[in-house]
Amino acid sequence: MLKKLIAATLYTALSLGAIPATAMDLSAAAALREGSLQKLGFHEEPKDVSTLPFTTAEGVEEVLSDYQGKLVLLNFWATWCAPCRKEMPALDQLSSTYGNQGLVVLPVATGHNPLPAIRSFYEKAEIQSLPLRMDGKGAMARDMGVLGLPVSILISPDGKEIARMTGDAEWFSPSAQNIVTELLSSYALSATGLPSQNDGAENH
């Protein structure tokens, strides 16, 4: 009987350790919003994300579930969108700083964005750390309820949308970095033992 009780207690402890960040954890991150990050809205309940594919520069299809195990900052943008272009260098800095700690910054150019135009923008803006991904027909963006650009969506390591912002933001501000750091800590992500990251900046 004692062995069974110990085993049950151990199982419960292990199960609780595997539970994703709670609402309290998200509240801690939400409390760190300042400046342009005040527009970032955290959801009371996690939401499902699109299962529709997007593509790499080589035309290889990916889906968001390919990035499970990481904290994902999904950013819908377009080359013709001035606010999108404005925030991209900060997103690049965020990726460069936290990319080895469990964060994936995933910009997806949605709608009509010719590959040469994206490559040209990346070069002129000196984007070094961001992958190049495309949603050519805008199907994935529509499936995610994106009505304007840019839209940034935080996705938990278990693949659920936890927060969303419409409009550009200072993504490398102290507030943004504090939020990312808090979420990485909440989900217990670290530089060790992480799933391998999908191909990145080399694709642009």
C-alpha atoms as a PDB file:
ATOM      1  CA  MET A   1       0.000   0.000   0.000  1.00  0.00           C
ATOM      2  CA  LEU A   2       2.824   2.386   0.946  1.00  0.00           C
ATOM      3  CA  LYS A   3       4.574   1.714  -2.363  1.00  0.00           C
ATOM      4  CA  LYS A   4       1.367   2.460  -4.267  1.00  0.00           C
ATOM      5  CA  LEU A   5       0.887   5.700  -2.322  1.00  0.00           C
ATOM      6  CA  ILE A   6       4.465   6.802  -3.045  1.00  0.00           C
ATOM      7  CA  ALA A   7       4.070   5.925  -6.710  1.00  0.00           C
ATOM      8  CA  ALA A   8       0.801   7.860  -6.954  1.00  0.00           C
ATOM      9  CA  THR A   9       2.356  10.885  -5.234  1.00  0.00           C
ATOM     10  CA  LEU A  10       5.350  10.776  -7.547  1.00  0.00           C
ATOM     11  CA  TYR A  11       3.118  10.498 -10.618  1.00  0.00           C
ATOM     12  CA  THR A  12       1.061  13.478  -9.468  1.00  0.00           C
ATOM     13  CA  ALA A  13       4.190  15.544  -8.894  1.00  0.00           C
ATOM     14  CA  LEU A  14       5.580  14.661 -12.306  1.00  0.00           C
ATOM     15  CA  SER A  15       2.258  15.447 -13.958  1.00  0.00           C
ATOM     16  CA  LEU A  16       2.035  18.840 -12.287  1.00  0.00           C
ATOM     17  CA  GLY A  17       5.579  19.593 -13.401  1.00  0.00           C
ATOM     18  CA  ALA A  18       4.547  18.974 -17.001  1.00  0.00           C
ATOM     19  CA  ILE A  19       1.603  21.395 -16.931  1.00  0.00           C
ATOM     20  CA  PRO A  20       2.196  24.481 -19.114  1.00  0.00           C
ATOM     21  CA  ALA A  21       2.420  27.970 -17.637  1.00  0.00           C
ATOM     22  CA  THR A  22      -0.685  28.923 -15.694  1.00  0.00           C
ATOM     23  CA  ALA A  23      -2.817  32.025 -15.927  1.00  0.00           C
ATOM     24  CA  MET A  24      -0.865  33.378 -12.977  1.00  0.00           C
ATOM     25  CA  ASP A  25       2.350  33.017 -14.949  1.00  0.00           C
ATOM     26  CA  LEU A  26       0.816  34.902 -17.879  1.00  0.00           C
ATOM     27  CA  SER A  27      -0.413  37.585 -15.504  1.00  0.00           C
ATOM     28  CA  ALA A  28       3.166  38.102 -14.381  1.00  0.00           C
ATOM     29  CA  ALA A  29       4.231  38.600 -18.000  1.00  0.00           C
ATOM     30  CA  ALA A  30       1.254  40.867 -18.699  1.00  0.00           C
ATOM     31  CA  ALA A  31       2.217  43.065 -15.768  1.00  0.00           C
ATOM     32  CA  LEU A  32       5.513  43.837 -17.514  1.00  0.00           C
ATOM     33  CA  ARG A  33       3.844  45.591 -20.473  1.00  0.00           C
ATOM     34  CA  GLU A  34       4.965  49.166 -20.944  1.00  0.00           C
ATOM     35  CA  GLY A  35       5.043  51.646 -23.812  1.00  0.00           C
ATOM     36  CA  SER A  36       4.119  50.123 -27.170  1.00  0.00           C
ATOM     37  CA  LEU A  37       3.887  46.675 -25.562  1.00  0.00           C
ATOM     38  CA  GLN A  38       0.758  47.766 -23.686  1.00  0.00           C
ATOM     39  CA  LYS A  39      -1.124  46.832 -26.862  1.00  0.00           C
ATOM     40  CA  LEU A  40      -0.160  43.180 -26.356  1.00  0.00           C
ATOM     41  CA  GLY A  41      -3.302  41.421 -25.143  1.00  0.00           C
ATOM     42  CA  PHE A  42      -2.938  38.204 -23.162  1.00  0.00           C
ATOM     43  CA  HIS A  43      -5.836  35.755 -23.478  1.00  0.00           C
ATOM     44  CA  GLU A  44      -7.691  34.410 -20.456  1.00  0.00           C
ATOM     45  CA  GLU A  45      -7.684  30.994 -22.118  1.00  0.00           C
ATOM     46  CA  PRO A  46      -5.148  29.698 -24.676  1.00  0.00           C
ATOM     47  CA  LYS A  47      -6.456  29.487 -28.244  1.00  0.00           C
ATOM     48  CA  ASP A  48      -5.871  27.014 -31.041  1.00  0.00           C
ATOM     49  CA  VAL A  49      -3.647  28.124 -33.908  1.00  0.00           C
ATOM     50  CA  SER A  50      -3.909  27.499 -37.629  1.00  0.00           C
ATOM     51  CA  THR A  51      -2.876  24.144 -39.034  1.00  0.00           C
ATOM     52  CA  LEU A  52      -2.518  25.543 -42.566  1.00  0.00           C
ATOM     53  CA  PRO A  53       0.949  25.502 -44.098  1.00  0.00           C
ATOM     54  CA  PHE A  54       3.320  28.328 -44.954  1.00  0.00           C
ATOM     55  CA  THR A  55       6.545  27.973 -46.941  1.00  0.00           C
ATOM     56  CA  THR A  56      10.266  28.534 -46.737  1.00  0.00           C
ATOM     57  CA  ALA A  57      12.185  30.452 -49.396  1.00  0.00           C
ATOM     58  CA  GLU A  58      12.767  27.105 -51.108  1.00  0.00           C
ATOM     59  CA  GLY A  59       9.041  26.338 -51.203  1.00  0.00           C
ATOM     60  CA  VAL A  60       9.143  23.719 -48.435  1.00  0.00           C
ATOM     61  CA  GLU A  61       5.909  23.633 -46.456  1.00  0.00           C
ATOM     62  CA  GLU A  62       5.905  24.080 -42.698  1.00  0.00           C
ATOM     63  CA  VAL A  63       3.164  24.298 -40.072  1.00  0.00           C
ATOM     64  CA  LEU A  64       3.202  25.941 -36.669  1.00  0.00           C
ATOM     65  CA  SER A  65       3.266  22.581 -34.910  1.00  0.00           C
ATOM     66  CA  ASP A  66       6.784  22.128 -36.327  1.00  0.00           C
ATOM     67  CA  TYR A  67       7.867  24.682 -33.716  1.00  0.00           C
ATOM     68  CA  GLN A  68       6.328  23.028 -30.656  1.00  0.00           C
ATOM     69  CA  GLY A  69       8.713  23.014 -27.732  1.00  0.00           C
ATOM     70  CA  LYS A  70       9.656  26.651 -28.336  1.00  0.00           C
ATOM     71  CA  LEU A  71       8.102  29.960 -27.359  1.00  0.00           C
ATOM     72  CA  VAL A  72       7.115  31.414 -30.749  1.00  0.00           C
ATOM     73  CA  LEU A  73       6.604  35.059 -31.625  1.00  0.00           C
ATOM     74  CA  LEU A  74       4.703  34.791 -34.920  1.00  0.00           C
ATOM     75  CA  ASN A  75       4.713  38.022 -36.893  1.00  0.00           C
ATOM     76  CA  PHE A  76       2.519  38.552 -39.948  1.00  0.00           C
ATOM     77  CA  TRP A  77       3.986  41.264 -42.151  1.00  0.00           C
ATOM     78  CA  ALA A  78       4.388  42.458 -45.750  1.00  0.00           C
ATOM     79  CA  THR A  79       7.081  44.273 -47.685  1.00  0.00           C
ATOM     80  CA  TRP A  80       4.621  47.044 -48.605  1.00  0.00           C
ATOM     81  CA  CYS A  81       3.646  47.645 -44.967  1.00  0.00           C
ATOM     82  CA  ALA A  82       5.619  50.559 -43.478  1.00  0.00           C
ATOM     83  CA  PRO A  83       4.939  49.701 -39.800  1.00  0.00           C
ATOM     84  CA  CYS A  84       5.990  46.116 -40.544  1.00  0.00           C
ATOM     85  CA  ARG A  85       9.304  47.242 -41.984  1.00  0.00           C
ATOM     86  CA  LYS A  86       9.821  49.613 -39.060  1.00  0.00           C
ATOM     87  CA  GLU A  87       9.644  46.909 -36.392  1.00  0.00           C
ATOM     88  CA  MET A  88      11.591  44.213 -38.235  1.00  0.00           C
ATOM     89  CA  PRO A  89      15.102  45.238 -37.041  1.00  0.00           C
ATOM     90  CA  ALA A  90      13.908  45.061 -33.410  1.00  0.00           C
ATOM     91  CA  LEU A  91      12.435  41.620 -34.042  1.00  0.00           C
ATOM     92  CA  ASP A  92      15.792  40.628 -35.506  1.00  0.00           C
ATOM     93  CA  GLN A  93      17.572  41.816 -32.361  1.00  0.00           C
ATOM     94  CA  LEU A  94      15.115  39.909 -30.188  1.00  0.00           C
ATOM     95  CA  SER A  95      15.736  36.758 -32.197  1.00  0.00           C
ATOM     96  CA  SER A  96      19.490  37.194 -32.031  1.00  0.00           C
ATOM     97  CA  THR A  97      19.443  37.682 -28.269  1.00  0.00           C
ATOM     98  CA  TYR A  98      16.944  35.019 -27.217  1.00  0.00           C
ATOM     99  CA  GLY A  99      17.061  32.531 -30.093  1.00  0.00           C
ATOM    100  CA  ASN A 100      19.361  30.190 -28.162  1.00  0.00           C
ATOM    101  CA  GLN A 101      17.205  30.387 -25.041  1.00  0.00           C
ATOM    102  CA  GLY A 102      13.988  28.892 -26.400  1.00  0.00           C
ATOM    103  CA  LEU A 103      12.446  31.744 -28.409  1.00  0.00           C
ATOM    104  CA  VAL A 104      11.650  31.543 -32.127  1.00  0.00           C
ATOM    105  CA  VAL A 105      10.798  34.825 -33.838  1.00  0.00           C
ATOM    106  CA  LEU A 106       8.874  33.726 -36.915  1.00  0.00           C
ATOM    107  CA  PRO A 107       8.030  36.444 -39.467  1.00  0.00           C
ATOM    108  CA  VAL A 108       5.623  35.246 -42.150  1.00  0.00           C
ATOM    109  CA  ALA A 109       5.181  37.517 -45.177  1.00  0.00           C
ATOM    110  CA  THR A 110       1.506  37.201 -46.029  1.00  0.00           C
ATOM    111  CA  GLY A 111      -0.179  38.019 -49.321  1.00  0.00           C
ATOM    112  CA  HIS A 112       1.647  39.221 -52.429  1.00  0.00           C
ATOM    113  CA  ASN A 113       5.309  39.527 -51.433  1.00  0.00           C
ATOM    114  CA  PRO A 114       7.682  38.545 -54.251  1.00  0.00           C
ATOM    115  CA  LEU A 115      10.678  36.638 -52.933  1.00  0.00           C
ATOM    116  CA  PRO A 116      13.191  39.103 -54.495  1.00  0.00           C
ATOM    117  CA  ALA A 117      11.458  41.970 -52.668  1.00  0.00           C
ATOM    118  CA  ILE A 118      11.700  40.133 -49.340  1.00  0.00           C
ATOM    119  CA  ARG A 119      15.350  39.292 -49.911  1.00  0.00           C
ATOM    120  CA  SER A 120      16.068  42.900 -50.859  1.00  0.00           C
ATOM    121  CA  PHE A 121      14.397  44.210 -47.714  1.00  0.00           C
ATOM    122  CA  TYR A 122      16.272  41.748 -45.488  1.00  0.00           C
ATOM    123  CA  GLU A 123      19.544  42.880 -47.048  1.00  0.00           C
ATOM    124  CA  LYS A 124      18.851  46.628 -46.793  1.00  0.00           C
ATOM    125  CA  ALA A 125      17.556  46.321 -43.222  1.00  0.00           C
ATOM    126  CA  GLU A 126      20.527  44.086 -42.332  1.00  0.00           C
ATOM    127  CA  ILE A 127      18.278  41.325 -41.015  1.00  0.00           C
ATOM    128  CA  GLN A 128      20.585  38.579 -39.794  1.00  0.00           C
ATOM    129  CA  SER A 129      18.703  36.247 -37.459  1.00  0.00           C
ATOM    130  CA  LEU A 130      15.169  35.960 -38.831  1.00  0.00           C
ATOM    131  CA  PRO A 131      13.984  33.107 -41.039  1.00  0.00           C
ATOM    132  CA  LEU A 132      12.230  33.897 -44.306  1.00  0.00           C
ATOM    133  CA  ARG A 133       8.737  32.441 -44.443  1.00  0.00           C
ATOM    134  CA  MET A 134       5.806  33.157 -46.760  1.00  0.00           C
ATOM    135  CA  ASP A 135       2.027  32.796 -46.785  1.00  0.00           C
ATOM    136  CA  GLY A 136       1.634  33.661 -50.448  1.00  0.00           C
ATOM    137  CA  LYS A 137      -2.152  33.478 -50.731  1.00  0.00           C
ATOM    138  CA  GLY A 138      -2.808  34.790 -47.227  1.00  0.00           C
ATOM    139  CA  ALA A 139      -4.755  31.640 -46.297  1.00  0.00           C
ATOM    140  CA  MET A 140      -2.921  31.057 -43.039  1.00  0.00           C
ATOM    141  CA  ALA A 141      -3.283  34.699 -41.985  1.00  0.00           C
ATOM    142  CA  ARG A 142      -7.024  34.598 -42.655  1.00  0.00           C
ATOM    143  CA  ASP A 143      -7.302  31.352 -40.728  1.00  0.00           C
ATOM    144  CA  MET A 144      -5.612  33.107 -37.798  1.00  0.00           C
ATOM    145  CA  GLY A 145      -8.084  35.996 -37.952  1.00  0.00           C
ATOM    146  CA  VAL A 146      -5.549  38.545 -39.164  1.00  0.00           C
ATOM    147  CA  LEU A 147      -7.370  41.598 -40.521  1.00  0.00           C
ATOM    148  CA  GLY A 148      -4.529  44.126 -40.727  1.00  0.00           C
ATOM    149  CA  LEU A 149      -0.736  44.254 -40.578  1.00  0.00           C
ATOM    150  CA  PRO A 150       1.463  43.853 -38.702  1.00  0.00           C
ATOM    151  CA  VAL A 151       0.047  41.322 -36.267  1.00  0.00           C
ATOM    152  CA  SER A 152       2.237  39.604 -33.687  1.00  0.00           C
ATOM    153  CA  ILE A 153       1.091  36.458 -31.891  1.00  0.00           C
ATOM    154  CA  LEU A 154       2.760  34.709 -28.965  1.00  0.00           C
ATOM    155  CA  ILE A 155       2.454  30.927 -29.096  1.00  0.00           C
ATOM    156  CA  SER A 156       3.268  28.722 -26.120  1.00  0.00           C
ATOM    157  CA  PRO A 157       5.622  25.735 -26.374  1.00  0.00           C
ATOM    158  CA  ASP A 158       2.566  23.451 -26.414  1.00  0.00           C
ATOM    159  CA  GLY A 159       1.316  25.204 -29.549  1.00  0.00           C
ATOM    160  CA  LYS A 160      -1.427  27.495 -28.207  1.00  0.00           C
ATOM    161  CA  GLU A 161      -1.936  31.214 -28.844  1.00  0.00           C
ATOM    162  CA  ILE A 162      -1.511  33.054 -25.539  1.00  0.00           C
ATOM    163  CA  ALA A 163      -1.309  36.715 -26.623  1.00  0.00           C
ATOM    164  CA  ARG A 164      -1.814  38.936 -29.668  1.00  0.00           C
ATOM    165  CA  MET A 165      -1.046  42.465 -30.819  1.00  0.00           C
ATOM    166  CA  THR A 166      -2.164  44.408 -33.875  1.00  0.00           C
ATOM    167  CA  GLY A 167       0.223  47.159 -34.928  1.00  0.00           C
ATOM    168  CA  ASP A 168       3.965  47.618 -34.629  1.00  0.00           C
ATOM    169  CA  ALA A 169       5.872  47.644 -31.355  1.00  0.00           C
ATOM    170  CA  GLU A 170       9.341  48.210 -29.966  1.00  0.00           C
ATOM    171  CA  TRP A 171      10.183  44.540 -29.811  1.00  0.00           C
ATOM    172  CA  PHE A 172      13.641  45.026 -28.321  1.00  0.00           C
ATOM    173  CA  SER A 173      12.593  47.499 -25.640  1.00  0.00           C
ATOM    174  CA  PRO A 174      13.232  46.649 -21.967  1.00  0.00           C
ATOM    175  CA  SER A 175       9.529  45.811 -21.636  1.00  0.00           C
ATOM    176  CA  ALA A 176       9.628  43.358 -24.548  1.00  0.00           C
ATOM    177  CA  GLN A 177      12.757  41.701 -23.223  1.00  0.00           C
ATOM    178  CA  ASN A 178      11.296  41.424 -19.724  1.00  0.00           C
ATOM    179  CA  ILE A 179       8.127  39.795 -21.100  1.00  0.00           C
ATOM    180  CA  VAL A 180      10.121  37.284 -23.142  1.00  0.00           C
ATOM    181  CA  THR A 181      12.386  36.499 -20.193  1.00  0.00           C
ATOM    182  CA  GLU A 182       9.386  35.968 -17.902  1.00  0.00           C
ATOM    183  CA  LEU A 183       7.664  33.655 -20.395  1.00  0.00           C
ATOM    184  CA  LEU A 184      10.809  31.630 -21.021  1.00  0.00           C
ATOM    185  CA  SER A 185      11.124  31.204 -17.268  1.00  0.00           C
ATOM    186  CA  SER A 186       7.427  30.340 -16.862  1.00  0.00           C
ATOM    187  CA  TYR A 187       7.679  27.596 -19.452  1.00  0.00           C
ATOM    188  CA  ALA A 188      11.030  26.490 -18.020  1.00  0.00           C
ATOM    189  CA  LEU A 189      12.813  26.835 -21.346  1.00  0.00           C
ATOM    190  CA  SER A 190      16.572  27.110 -21.390  1.00  0.00           C
ATOM    191  CA  ALA A 191      19.469  26.798 -23.775  1.00  0.00           C
ATOM    192  CA  THR A 192      19.904  23.127 -22.857  1.00  0.00           C
ATOM    193  CA  GLY A 193      17.726  20.269 -23.977  1.00  0.00           C
ATOM    194  CA  LEU A 194      15.752  22.267 -26.527  1.00  0.00           C
ATOM    195  CA  PRO A 195      14.360  20.757 -29.701  1.00  0.00           C
ATOM    196  CA  SER A 196      16.456  21.596 -32.756  1.00  0.00           C
ATOM    197  CA  GLN A 197      15.415  24.864 -34.378  1.00  0.00           C
ATOM    198  CA  ASN A 198      14.138  24.797 -37.943  1.00  0.00           C
ATOM    199  CA  ASP A 199      16.282  26.371 -40.625  1.00  0.00           C
ATOM    200  CA  GLY A 200      16.576  30.092 -40.142  1.00  0.00           C
ATOM    201  CA  ALA A 201      18.295  33.158 -41.545  1.00  0.00           C
ATOM    202  CA  GLU A 202      20.295  31.165 -44.069  1.00  0.00           C
ATOM    203  CA  ASN A 203      17.136  30.861 -46.137  1.00  0.00           C
ATOM    204  CA  HIS A 204      16.959  34.523 -47.088  1.00  0.00           C
END
